[in-house]
Amino acid sequence: MRFFKIFIKMTMAALALICGASGGVAMAQENPKREFRGAWLHIIGQSQWQNKSTEQAKAYIHDQLDKLQAAGCNAVIFQVRPTADAMYKSELEPWTTWLTGKRGKAPSPMWDPMEYALEEAHKRGMEFHAWLNPYRVTSDAKEVLPTDHASKKEPHRFVKYNGQVYFDPAYQENRDFICEVVEDIVKRYDVDGIHIDDYFYPYPVKGVKFNDDASYAKFGNGQNRNDWRRHNVDLLIEQLHGTIKGIKPWVRFGVSPFGIWRNKKSDPRGSDSNGLQNYDDLYADVLLWAKKGWIDYLAPQLYWTLDRDVAPSRGLAKWWNDNSNGVDIYIGQDVRCTMNNADPKAKRADELDTKVELSRQLPNVKGNIWWHGYWVTENLKGVADRLASTHQSTIALPPAYGDDNRRAAPVTKLRLEHHDGKTFLCWDNPAHGRDQKATDAVRYVVYEFFPGEAADNLDDPQTIIALTPMNRVLVADEDSKEATKGLTFVVTALDRMNRESQPTVLKL
């Protein structure tokens, strides 16, 4: 570990001399200590899951998370409910088609993919955000739902649009059921976040009407229909927030909306863009949700080139930063678009460096989420290599939230232990009570300082050598005291809200 760190410092210093003047490479020392570095792993449309045995699927998840971690990611947003179905054991909804090939068909031998992915993410010190689509019931017109499905028994609660079936957002029964699904997940699984995507009222199809005449006549009370639809979605978001926080206040609630709230031609508060609008077309007033405190983060999907006329991601990133309304902004970055398009203004062959640099220049933007994670793990056009060697070459802690005055207790009995010819840094974890609390220590940050380095400076991410849920890390491949002579190790605990404890120090 020590020699690897020396090598990294020397390599980055050399790169700084070569590239520092041109700004062509993001240096490790410029990487922030705290940053959300997520990746979406979707299952909808991914037939590879259906073709794998249980052990093969587990190995696949294991491999995907290994590769994301190697690329410097510290969070995975894993799709667990794409179409009112479940990528986990549920008594409320059937097993997903995308796992077994047939809705309701259980995997054999039985296993729980969400549970496994969550445990594997946590083993790597990564956050796990469970990703759900709230309203969508089917993904295409071909799927035939079983006769005992709620849409067959209570068809008034559903709308068919462009061949697909949706929960009608107007019905309180539907909001209650969606919240029941989320409640079940939050109670039974140790998730770090609940994440919903950009599908609220469905994306409009030209010439096709979303026929909610019956529910509008029943519940509209003469309100403007567009305002009424927005209010229906507002009610769900507010109720979801209350559901999550009422069970586990530390579980974050995030939304990844379409990348345009409103265009300036529709609203002077809008962005310089000319595309589809969340507010007007999907009936999602995401800025209101942030202002009301109903969500913890927004991850706008800026899946366009930097300067595309109708939707320039450069300008939109700045707009979302300026309109964050007090919540964290994580930019949703399209990997393929980013790597396939040049940035002529900066004389760069692709847009990766510019997009990451821009995200770090904006004070309310706290990270990026890569769409999709499979392109990262496939190393599309070298993106994983680039992230690992530059922009995500240091370990980053996810952003902290909650009351800064509350945090985990520090670790104790920091020491070296020798096993099997190797040297480990070990410590005793703070005790947990019977019930989970926000201040429970769940991960540990390990810093290493060389002789002459100030061990009280914990702001330099290059000094972080591990972010782990374990209570020991390997620090030398030998058990000689000379291997660690003169080093100083510091360990802090992170609680469930990523707040860092007081440091515990071991000087050798």
Protein backbone atom coordinates (compact mmCIF):
# COMPACT_ATOMS: atom_id res chain seq x y z
CA MET A 1 0.00 0.00 0.00
CA ARG A 2 2.78 2.41 0.96
CA PHE A 3 4.78 1.91 -2.24
CA PHE A 4 1.63 2.10 -4.39
CA LYS A 5 0.83 5.47 -2.82
CA ILE A 6 4.36 6.74 -3.49
CA PHE A 7 4.04 5.60 -7.10
CA ILE A 8 0.70 7.39 -7.51
CA LYS A 9 2.09 10.64 -6.09
CA MET A 10 5.15 10.53 -8.33
CA THR A 11 3.08 9.66 -11.40
CA MET A 12 0.58 12.44 -10.81
CA ALA A 13 3.34 14.94 -10.15
CA ALA A 14 4.93 14.01 -13.48
CA LEU A 15 1.61 14.36 -15.25
CA ALA A 16 1.13 17.76 -13.66
CA LEU A 17 4.42 18.94 -15.13
CA ILE A 18 3.49 17.61 -18.55
CA CYS A 19 -0.16 18.62 -18.67
CA GLY A 20 -0.64 21.21 -15.95
CA ALA A 21 -0.22 24.22 -18.19
CA SER A 22 -2.73 23.02 -20.78
CA GLY A 23 -5.27 21.75 -18.24
CA GLY A 24 -5.68 18.62 -20.35
CA VAL A 25 -5.70 16.18 -17.45
CA ALA A 26 -7.54 16.37 -14.13
CA MET A 27 -4.90 15.82 -11.47
CA ALA A 28 -5.40 13.57 -8.48
CA GLN A 29 -4.72 16.51 -6.17
CA GLU A 30 -7.69 18.31 -7.75
CA ASN A 31 -10.06 15.47 -6.97
CA PRO A 32 -12.32 16.40 -4.07
CA LYS A 33 -12.33 14.45 -0.83
CA ARG A 34 -16.13 14.25 -0.96
CA GLU A 35 -17.99 13.51 -4.17
CA PHE A 36 -20.87 11.31 -5.23
CA ARG A 37 -19.55 8.97 -7.95
CA GLY A 38 -22.47 6.79 -8.91
CA ALA A 39 -23.44 4.47 -11.73
CA TRP A 40 -26.85 3.26 -12.84
CA LEU A 41 -27.25 -0.49 -13.38
CA HIS A 42 -30.59 -1.12 -15.07
CA ILE A 43 -32.29 -4.45 -15.62
CA ILE A 44 -35.10 -3.42 -17.96
CA GLY A 45 -34.16 -4.36 -21.50
CA GLN A 46 -31.19 -6.37 -20.23
CA SER A 47 -31.78 -9.92 -21.42
CA GLN A 48 -28.44 -11.15 -20.06
CA TRP A 49 -30.00 -11.63 -16.61
CA GLN A 50 -32.50 -14.18 -17.96
CA ASN A 51 -29.72 -16.26 -19.49
CA LYS A 52 -27.73 -16.73 -16.32
CA SER A 53 -27.96 -19.30 -13.56
CA THR A 54 -28.08 -18.05 -9.99
CA GLU A 55 -24.35 -18.49 -9.54
CA GLN A 56 -23.62 -16.86 -12.88
CA ALA A 57 -25.82 -13.90 -12.01
CA LYS A 58 -24.10 -13.50 -8.66
CA ALA A 59 -20.72 -13.64 -10.37
CA TYR A 60 -21.95 -11.02 -12.84
CA ILE A 61 -23.00 -8.63 -10.06
CA HIS A 62 -19.71 -9.29 -8.29
CA ASP A 63 -17.77 -8.47 -11.45
CA GLN A 64 -19.80 -5.32 -12.22
CA LEU A 65 -19.22 -3.93 -8.73
CA ASP A 66 -15.52 -4.81 -8.83
CA LYS A 67 -15.15 -2.87 -12.07
CA LEU A 68 -17.14 0.11 -10.84
CA GLN A 69 -15.04 0.25 -7.70
CA ALA A 70 -11.85 0.00 -9.76
CA ALA A 71 -13.10 2.98 -11.80
CA GLY A 72 -13.45 4.97 -8.58
CA CYS A 73 -17.23 4.79 -8.14
CA ASN A 74 -18.55 4.92 -4.58
CA ALA A 75 -22.25 4.30 -5.22
CA VAL A 76 -24.43 2.04 -7.31
CA ILE A 77 -28.00 2.84 -8.30
CA PHE A 78 -29.45 -0.61 -8.88
CA GLN A 79 -32.83 -1.06 -10.58
CA VAL A 80 -35.09 -3.19 -8.42
CA ARG A 81 -38.61 -2.30 -9.67
CA PRO A 82 -38.81 -1.45 -13.38
CA THR A 83 -42.47 -2.29 -14.13
CA ALA A 84 -44.42 -2.86 -10.91
CA ASP A 85 -42.38 -6.01 -10.37
CA ALA A 86 -39.50 -7.02 -8.15
CA MET A 87 -35.82 -7.84 -8.47
CA TYR A 88 -36.09 -9.03 -4.87
CA LYS A 89 -38.28 -11.20 -2.66
CA SER A 90 -41.59 -9.41 -2.34
CA GLU A 91 -45.04 -10.34 -1.11
CA LEU A 92 -46.48 -7.24 -2.77
CA GLU A 93 -45.36 -7.65 -6.38
CA PRO A 94 -44.28 -10.49 -8.66
CA TRP A 95 -40.75 -11.41 -9.64
CA THR A 96 -39.60 -9.32 -12.58
CA THR A 97 -39.66 -10.62 -16.13
CA TRP A 98 -36.15 -9.26 -16.61
CA LEU A 99 -34.70 -11.75 -14.14
CA THR A 100 -36.43 -15.01 -15.05
CA GLY A 101 -38.07 -14.33 -18.44
CA LYS A 102 -41.63 -14.42 -17.08
CA ARG A 103 -43.41 -12.10 -14.69
CA GLY A 104 -44.01 -13.88 -11.41
CA LYS A 105 -41.58 -16.73 -12.07
CA ALA A 106 -39.23 -17.14 -9.12
CA PRO A 107 -35.53 -17.77 -9.67
CA SER A 108 -34.34 -21.31 -9.12
CA PRO A 109 -32.49 -21.97 -6.96
CA MET A 110 -34.03 -19.16 -4.94
CA TRP A 111 -31.99 -16.04 -4.26
CA ASP A 112 -32.54 -12.34 -3.71
CA PRO A 113 -30.64 -10.21 -6.27
CA MET A 114 -31.18 -6.92 -4.43
CA GLU A 115 -30.00 -8.38 -1.15
CA TYR A 116 -26.91 -9.83 -2.81
CA ALA A 117 -26.07 -6.64 -4.75
CA LEU A 118 -26.56 -4.54 -1.61
CA GLU A 119 -24.30 -6.75 0.48
CA GLU A 120 -21.61 -6.78 -2.22
CA ALA A 121 -21.76 -3.00 -2.62
CA HIS A 122 -21.40 -2.50 1.12
CA LYS A 123 -18.45 -4.92 1.25
CA ARG A 124 -16.68 -2.56 -1.15
CA GLY A 125 -17.52 0.52 0.89
CA MET A 126 -20.02 1.64 -1.77
CA GLU A 127 -23.48 3.07 -1.21
CA PHE A 128 -26.50 1.18 -2.54
CA HIS A 129 -29.50 3.13 -3.83
CA ALA A 130 -32.58 1.07 -4.71
CA TRP A 131 -34.00 2.39 -8.00
CA LEU A 132 -37.73 2.16 -8.67
CA ASN A 133 -40.08 3.36 -11.36
CA PRO A 134 -43.28 4.43 -9.60
CA TYR A 135 -46.08 4.35 -12.20
CA ARG A 136 -45.08 2.06 -15.07
CA VAL A 137 -46.73 -1.38 -15.09
CA THR A 138 -45.70 -2.74 -18.51
CA SER A 139 -42.83 -1.80 -20.81
CA ASP A 140 -44.47 -2.58 -24.15
CA ALA A 141 -47.77 -3.47 -25.78
CA LYS A 142 -46.92 -7.15 -26.11
CA GLU A 143 -46.95 -8.08 -22.43
CA VAL A 144 -50.14 -9.73 -21.21
CA LEU A 145 -50.75 -9.25 -17.51
CA PRO A 146 -52.14 -12.16 -15.46
CA THR A 147 -55.87 -12.26 -14.75
CA ASP A 148 -55.34 -11.67 -11.03
CA HIS A 149 -53.39 -8.45 -11.63
CA ALA A 150 -54.85 -5.33 -10.00
CA SER A 151 -55.27 -3.72 -13.43
CA LYS A 152 -57.71 -6.51 -14.29
CA LYS A 153 -59.58 -6.39 -10.98
CA GLU A 154 -59.69 -2.59 -10.62
CA PRO A 155 -59.17 -1.21 -14.13
CA HIS A 156 -60.32 2.28 -13.10
CA ARG A 157 -57.01 2.73 -11.23
CA PHE A 158 -54.97 2.28 -14.42
CA VAL A 159 -54.52 3.98 -17.77
CA LYS A 160 -53.38 2.39 -21.01
CA TYR A 161 -51.23 4.72 -23.07
CA ASN A 162 -49.43 3.94 -26.32
CA GLY A 163 -49.88 0.24 -25.59
CA GLN A 164 -48.42 0.40 -22.08
CA VAL A 165 -50.20 0.18 -18.74
CA TYR A 166 -49.67 2.80 -16.01
CA PHE A 167 -50.96 3.45 -12.53
CA ASP A 168 -53.20 6.51 -12.76
CA PRO A 169 -51.43 9.10 -10.57
CA ALA A 170 -54.80 10.57 -9.56
CA TYR A 171 -55.76 7.74 -7.23
CA GLN A 172 -54.79 7.77 -3.57
CA GLU A 173 -54.97 3.97 -3.63
CA ASN A 174 -52.12 3.98 -6.12
CA ARG A 175 -50.04 6.40 -4.08
CA ASP A 176 -50.62 4.27 -1.01
CA PHE A 177 -49.58 1.11 -2.82
CA ILE A 178 -46.40 2.64 -4.25
CA CYS A 179 -45.49 3.89 -0.77
CA GLU A 180 -46.23 0.44 0.65
CA VAL A 181 -43.71 -1.04 -1.78
CA VAL A 182 -41.09 1.51 -0.74
CA GLU A 183 -41.90 0.99 2.95
CA ASP A 184 -41.32 -2.74 2.53
CA ILE A 185 -37.91 -2.14 0.96
CA VAL A 186 -36.76 0.40 3.52
CA LYS A 187 -37.86 -1.79 6.44
CA ARG A 188 -36.31 -5.03 5.19
CA TYR A 189 -33.16 -3.87 3.41
CA ASP A 190 -30.24 -1.76 4.59
CA VAL A 191 -30.43 0.58 1.60
CA ASP A 192 -28.64 3.92 1.59
CA GLY A 193 -31.14 5.54 -0.73
CA ILE A 194 -34.43 5.24 -2.60
CA HIS A 195 -34.09 6.49 -6.15
CA ILE A 196 -36.84 7.14 -8.70
CA ASP A 197 -36.26 7.98 -12.32
CA ASP A 198 -37.72 10.37 -14.89
CA TYR A 199 -40.97 8.56 -15.73
CA PHE A 200 -43.91 10.29 -14.05
CA TYR A 201 -46.81 10.89 -16.37
CA PRO A 202 -45.54 9.12 -19.49
CA TYR A 203 -43.45 10.81 -22.13
CA PRO A 204 -45.91 12.24 -24.65
CA VAL A 205 -46.40 10.52 -27.98
CA LYS A 206 -47.62 12.78 -30.77
CA GLY A 207 -51.28 12.20 -31.56
CA VAL A 208 -51.85 9.85 -28.60
CA LYS A 209 -53.98 11.07 -25.70
CA PHE A 210 -53.35 10.13 -22.08
CA ASN A 211 -56.96 9.39 -21.25
CA ASP A 212 -57.50 10.30 -17.63
CA ASP A 213 -60.91 11.90 -18.31
CA ALA A 214 -62.64 9.68 -15.77
CA SER A 215 -60.26 10.42 -12.89
CA TYR A 216 -60.18 14.12 -13.80
CA ALA A 217 -63.96 14.26 -13.69
CA LYS A 218 -63.88 12.47 -10.33
CA PHE A 219 -61.03 14.36 -8.64
CA GLY A 220 -60.29 17.48 -10.70
CA ASN A 221 -62.74 19.84 -9.00
CA GLY A 222 -62.53 22.24 -11.90
CA GLN A 223 -58.77 22.71 -11.52
CA ASN A 224 -56.67 23.28 -14.62
CA ARG A 225 -55.85 19.77 -15.79
CA ASN A 226 -52.10 20.35 -16.08
CA ASP A 227 -51.94 21.83 -12.58
CA TRP A 228 -54.05 18.96 -11.30
CA ARG A 229 -51.71 16.39 -12.83
CA ARG A 230 -48.68 18.10 -11.30
CA HIS A 231 -50.42 18.13 -7.94
CA ASN A 232 -51.06 14.38 -8.21
CA VAL A 233 -47.33 13.76 -8.61
CA ASP A 234 -46.52 16.25 -5.84
CA LEU A 235 -48.73 14.24 -3.49
CA LEU A 236 -46.81 11.04 -4.27
CA ILE A 237 -43.40 12.65 -3.75
CA GLU A 238 -44.47 14.20 -0.44
CA GLN A 239 -45.93 10.89 0.74
CA LEU A 240 -42.84 8.94 -0.33
CA HIS A 241 -40.65 11.35 1.60
CA GLY A 242 -42.76 10.90 4.71
CA THR A 243 -42.78 7.13 4.29
CA ILE A 244 -38.99 6.85 3.99
CA LYS A 245 -38.06 9.34 6.70
CA GLY A 246 -40.66 7.94 9.08
CA ILE A 247 -38.88 4.58 9.04
CA LYS A 248 -35.19 5.42 8.58
CA PRO A 249 -34.44 9.17 8.52
CA TRP A 250 -30.95 8.53 7.15
CA VAL A 251 -32.14 6.86 3.94
CA ARG A 252 -31.81 9.42 1.18
CA PHE A 253 -34.59 10.05 -1.32
CA GLY A 254 -33.37 11.04 -4.77
CA VAL A 255 -34.92 11.76 -8.15
CA SER A 256 -33.23 11.65 -11.56
CA PRO A 257 -35.46 13.86 -13.72
CA PHE A 258 -35.30 14.60 -17.41
CA GLY A 259 -32.63 17.24 -17.89
CA ILE A 260 -34.88 20.25 -18.61
CA TRP A 261 -37.27 21.68 -16.01
CA ARG A 262 -38.73 24.36 -18.31
CA ASN A 263 -37.42 26.25 -21.31
CA LYS A 264 -36.99 30.00 -20.94
CA LYS A 265 -39.57 30.62 -23.65
CA SER A 266 -42.13 28.95 -21.34
CA ASP A 267 -40.91 30.52 -18.11
CA PRO A 268 -38.31 33.27 -17.51
CA ARG A 269 -36.92 31.11 -14.72
CA GLY A 270 -36.22 28.32 -17.21
CA SER A 271 -33.06 27.31 -19.04
CA ASP A 272 -31.71 28.36 -22.42
CA SER A 273 -32.96 25.21 -24.09
CA ASN A 274 -35.72 24.12 -26.42
CA GLY A 275 -36.57 20.55 -25.52
CA LEU A 276 -39.22 18.54 -23.73
CA GLN A 277 -40.05 19.92 -20.27
CA ASN A 278 -40.51 18.15 -16.94
CA TYR A 279 -43.05 20.68 -15.74
CA ASP A 280 -45.23 20.82 -18.85
CA ASP A 281 -44.85 17.40 -20.46
CA LEU A 282 -44.21 14.99 -17.57
CA TYR A 283 -46.05 17.04 -14.92
CA ALA A 284 -43.08 16.88 -12.59
CA ASP A 285 -42.28 20.11 -10.73
CA VAL A 286 -38.97 18.87 -9.39
CA LEU A 287 -37.90 22.32 -8.21
CA LEU A 288 -40.92 22.46 -5.93
CA TRP A 289 -39.99 19.10 -4.41
CA ALA A 290 -36.52 20.40 -3.61
CA LYS A 291 -37.87 23.67 -2.20
CA LYS A 292 -40.31 21.80 0.03
CA GLY A 293 -37.56 19.51 1.34
CA TRP A 294 -39.26 16.38 0.03
CA ILE A 295 -36.13 15.08 -1.69
CA ASP A 296 -32.45 14.89 -0.74
CA TYR A 297 -30.85 15.05 -4.17
CA LEU A 298 -31.59 15.64 -7.83
CA ALA A 299 -29.71 13.84 -10.60
CA PRO A 300 -30.82 15.62 -13.80
CA GLN A 301 -30.19 13.50 -16.87
CA LEU A 302 -27.97 15.74 -18.99
CA TYR A 303 -27.45 13.15 -21.67
CA TRP A 304 -26.53 15.62 -24.42
CA THR A 305 -23.36 17.10 -25.81
CA LEU A 306 -21.90 20.16 -24.16
CA ASP A 307 -23.28 22.65 -26.68
CA ARG A 308 -26.21 20.95 -28.39
CA ASP A 309 -28.58 23.69 -29.58
CA VAL A 310 -31.84 22.38 -28.08
CA ALA A 311 -30.30 21.03 -24.88
CA PRO A 312 -26.71 22.13 -24.11
CA SER A 313 -25.46 20.13 -21.13
CA ARG A 314 -22.84 22.81 -20.37
CA GLY A 315 -25.49 25.48 -19.83
CA LEU A 316 -27.95 23.10 -18.21
CA ALA A 317 -25.41 21.98 -15.59
CA LYS A 318 -25.01 25.62 -14.58
CA TRP A 319 -28.80 26.11 -14.57
CA TRP A 320 -29.38 23.15 -12.23
CA ASN A 321 -26.59 24.39 -9.98
CA ASP A 322 -28.29 27.78 -9.76
CA ASN A 323 -31.70 26.23 -9.10
CA SER A 324 -30.79 23.49 -6.64
CA ASN A 325 -33.09 24.89 -3.92
CA GLY A 326 -30.90 23.51 -1.18
CA VAL A 327 -30.51 19.88 -2.33
CA ASP A 328 -27.44 18.19 -3.74
CA ILE A 329 -27.16 18.03 -7.53
CA TYR A 330 -25.51 15.01 -9.12
CA ILE A 331 -25.20 15.30 -12.89
CA GLY A 332 -26.42 12.31 -14.88
CA GLN A 333 -23.76 11.86 -17.58
CA ASP A 334 -24.30 9.74 -20.69
CA VAL A 335 -21.09 7.76 -21.10
CA ARG A 336 -21.48 6.99 -24.81
CA CYS A 337 -22.38 10.56 -25.72
CA THR A 338 -19.50 11.87 -23.62
CA MET A 339 -16.89 9.57 -25.13
CA ASN A 340 -18.14 9.78 -28.74
CA ASN A 341 -18.15 13.56 -29.05
CA ALA A 342 -15.27 16.00 -29.11
CA ASP A 343 -15.05 19.26 -27.19
CA PRO A 344 -13.66 21.61 -29.86
CA LYS A 345 -13.65 24.61 -27.50
CA ALA A 346 -11.09 22.88 -25.31
CA LYS A 347 -9.43 21.04 -28.21
CA ARG A 348 -10.24 17.69 -26.66
CA ALA A 349 -11.09 14.45 -28.45
CA ASP A 350 -14.02 13.78 -26.12
CA GLU A 351 -16.07 15.59 -23.50
CA LEU A 352 -15.10 13.63 -20.39
CA ASP A 353 -12.55 16.01 -18.91
CA THR A 354 -14.67 19.09 -19.54
CA LYS A 355 -17.83 17.60 -18.03
CA VAL A 356 -16.12 16.42 -14.86
CA GLU A 357 -14.22 19.68 -14.47
CA LEU A 358 -17.43 21.66 -14.95
CA SER A 359 -19.24 19.61 -12.31
CA ARG A 360 -16.47 20.42 -9.84
CA GLN A 361 -16.56 24.14 -10.55
CA LEU A 362 -20.25 24.43 -9.60
CA PRO A 363 -20.74 24.71 -5.83
CA ASN A 364 -24.10 22.93 -5.61
CA VAL A 365 -23.07 20.06 -7.87
CA LYS A 366 -21.71 17.37 -5.59
CA GLY A 367 -20.91 14.62 -8.08
CA ASN A 368 -21.82 12.66 -11.18
CA ILE A 369 -23.78 9.51 -11.99
CA TRP A 370 -22.73 7.54 -15.04
CA TRP A 371 -25.38 6.29 -17.46
CA HIS A 372 -25.12 3.58 -17.80
CA GLY A 373 -22.87 1.60 -15.56
CA TYR A 374 -22.44 -1.19 -18.10
CA TRP A 375 -20.64 1.22 -20.42
CA VAL A 376 -18.24 1.98 -17.59
CA THR A 377 -17.65 -1.68 -16.79
CA GLU A 378 -17.18 -2.39 -20.51
CA ASN A 379 -14.58 0.40 -20.53
CA LEU A 380 -16.24 2.06 -23.52
CA LYS A 381 -13.53 3.97 -25.39
CA GLY A 382 -11.34 3.70 -22.30
CA VAL A 383 -13.72 5.56 -19.97
CA ALA A 384 -13.05 3.32 -16.96
CA ASP A 385 -9.30 3.64 -17.45
CA ARG A 386 -9.60 7.42 -17.65
CA LEU A 387 -11.76 7.64 -14.55
CA ALA A 388 -9.41 5.35 -12.62
CA SER A 389 -6.26 7.22 -13.63
CA THR A 390 -7.50 10.80 -13.37
CA HIS A 391 -10.91 12.00 -12.26
CA GLN A 392 -11.64 9.18 -9.83
CA SER A 393 -8.10 8.08 -9.04
CA THR A 394 -8.44 8.91 -5.34
CA ILE A 395 -10.96 7.48 -2.90
CA ALA A 396 -13.88 9.86 -2.35
CA LEU A 397 -16.32 9.92 0.55
CA PRO A 398 -19.94 10.48 -0.48
CA PRO A 399 -21.39 13.85 0.57
CA ALA A 400 -22.43 14.12 4.22
CA TYR A 401 -25.87 15.33 5.23
CA GLY A 402 -27.91 15.90 8.35
CA ASP A 403 -26.87 17.68 11.54
CA ASP A 404 -23.11 18.31 11.52
CA ASN A 405 -23.06 18.18 15.30
CA ARG A 406 -24.13 14.54 15.36
CA ARG A 407 -21.79 11.80 14.21
CA ALA A 408 -20.42 8.35 14.95
CA ALA A 409 -18.22 7.64 17.93
CA PRO A 410 -14.51 7.23 17.07
CA VAL A 411 -12.80 3.88 16.75
CA THR A 412 -10.60 2.63 19.60
CA LYS A 413 -7.49 0.51 20.10
CA LEU A 414 -5.87 1.34 16.78
CA ARG A 415 -3.00 -1.11 16.34
CA LEU A 416 -0.91 -3.22 13.99
CA GLU A 417 -1.40 -6.97 13.79
CA HIS A 418 0.64 -9.53 11.89
CA HIS A 419 -0.96 -12.50 10.17
CA ASP A 420 0.40 -14.91 7.56
CA GLY A 421 3.48 -12.79 6.98
CA LYS A 422 1.51 -9.60 6.40
CA THR A 423 0.84 -6.46 8.43
CA PHE A 424 -2.67 -5.21 9.07
CA LEU A 425 -3.96 -2.02 10.64
CA CYS A 426 -6.77 -3.01 13.02
CA TRP A 427 -9.17 -1.23 15.37
CA ASP A 428 -12.23 -1.82 17.54
CA ASN A 429 -15.49 -0.55 16.12
CA PRO A 430 -17.83 1.68 18.13
CA ALA A 431 -20.62 -0.33 19.73
CA HIS A 432 -24.06 -0.43 18.08
CA GLY A 433 -27.31 -0.63 19.98
CA ARG A 434 -30.06 -3.11 19.23
CA ASP A 435 -31.92 -0.63 17.03
CA GLN A 436 -30.33 1.09 14.06
CA LYS A 437 -29.49 4.78 14.46
CA ALA A 438 -28.30 7.49 12.10
CA THR A 439 -25.07 7.79 14.08
CA ASP A 440 -24.15 4.10 13.81
CA ALA A 441 -20.64 3.66 12.41
CA VAL A 442 -21.02 1.69 9.17
CA ARG A 443 -17.78 2.43 7.30
CA TYR A 444 -14.26 3.50 8.14
CA VAL A 445 -11.84 5.87 6.44
CA VAL A 446 -8.15 4.99 6.68
CA TYR A 447 -5.47 7.65 6.10
CA GLU A 448 -1.74 7.05 5.75
CA PHE A 449 0.93 9.70 6.26
CA PHE A 450 4.65 9.45 5.54
CA PRO A 451 7.39 10.80 7.80
CA GLY A 452 7.28 14.59 7.69
CA GLU A 453 3.66 14.81 6.52
CA ALA A 454 1.20 16.64 8.76
CA ALA A 455 -1.06 13.89 10.07
CA ASP A 456 -3.67 16.40 11.21
CA ASN A 457 -4.58 17.34 7.61
CA LEU A 458 -7.39 15.03 6.60
CA ASP A 459 -8.49 17.13 3.62
CA ASP A 460 -6.08 15.63 1.07
CA PRO A 461 -7.81 12.67 -0.65
CA GLN A 462 -4.43 11.24 -1.67
CA THR A 463 -3.84 10.29 1.97
CA ILE A 464 -6.92 8.04 2.01
CA ILE A 465 -5.97 4.43 1.43
CA ALA A 466 -9.27 2.70 2.24
CA LEU A 467 -13.00 3.21 2.68
CA THR A 468 -14.24 -0.02 4.19
CA PRO A 469 -16.92 -1.59 6.40
CA MET A 470 -14.27 -3.88 7.91
CA ASN A 471 -12.19 -3.20 11.01
CA ARG A 472 -8.83 -3.92 9.43
CA VAL A 473 -6.87 -3.15 6.27
CA LEU A 474 -3.67 -4.56 4.80
CA VAL A 475 -0.86 -2.01 5.06
CA ALA A 476 2.21 -4.10 4.20
CA ASP A 477 2.87 -7.40 2.44
CA GLU A 478 5.43 -8.28 5.12
CA ASP A 479 5.38 -8.42 8.91
CA SER A 480 8.60 -6.48 9.48
CA LYS A 481 8.45 -3.35 11.60
CA GLU A 482 10.62 -1.67 9.00
CA ALA A 483 7.74 -1.83 6.52
CA THR A 484 5.72 0.68 8.55
CA LYS A 485 8.48 2.54 10.39
CA GLY A 486 7.82 6.27 10.61
CA LEU A 487 4.30 6.10 9.23
CA THR A 488 1.24 7.59 10.86
CA PHE A 489 -2.19 6.05 10.39
CA VAL A 490 -5.46 7.80 11.10
CA VAL A 491 -8.87 6.11 11.15
CA THR A 492 -12.27 7.79 11.31
CA ALA A 493 -15.76 6.30 11.35
CA LEU A 494 -18.54 7.29 8.94
CA ASP A 495 -22.10 7.10 10.18
CA ARG A 496 -25.19 6.34 8.09
CA MET A 497 -25.31 9.96 6.91
CA ASN A 498 -21.62 9.96 5.92
CA ARG A 499 -20.63 12.23 8.79
CA GLU A 500 -17.04 11.62 9.89
CA SER A 501 -16.08 10.93 13.50
CA GLN A 502 -13.15 12.39 15.40
CA PRO A 503 -9.86 10.80 14.25
CA THR A 504 -7.96 8.07 16.04
CA VAL A 505 -4.19 8.23 15.44
CA LEU A 506 -1.39 5.66 15.47
CA LYS A 507 2.18 6.98 15.08
CA LEU A 508 4.90 4.43 14.39
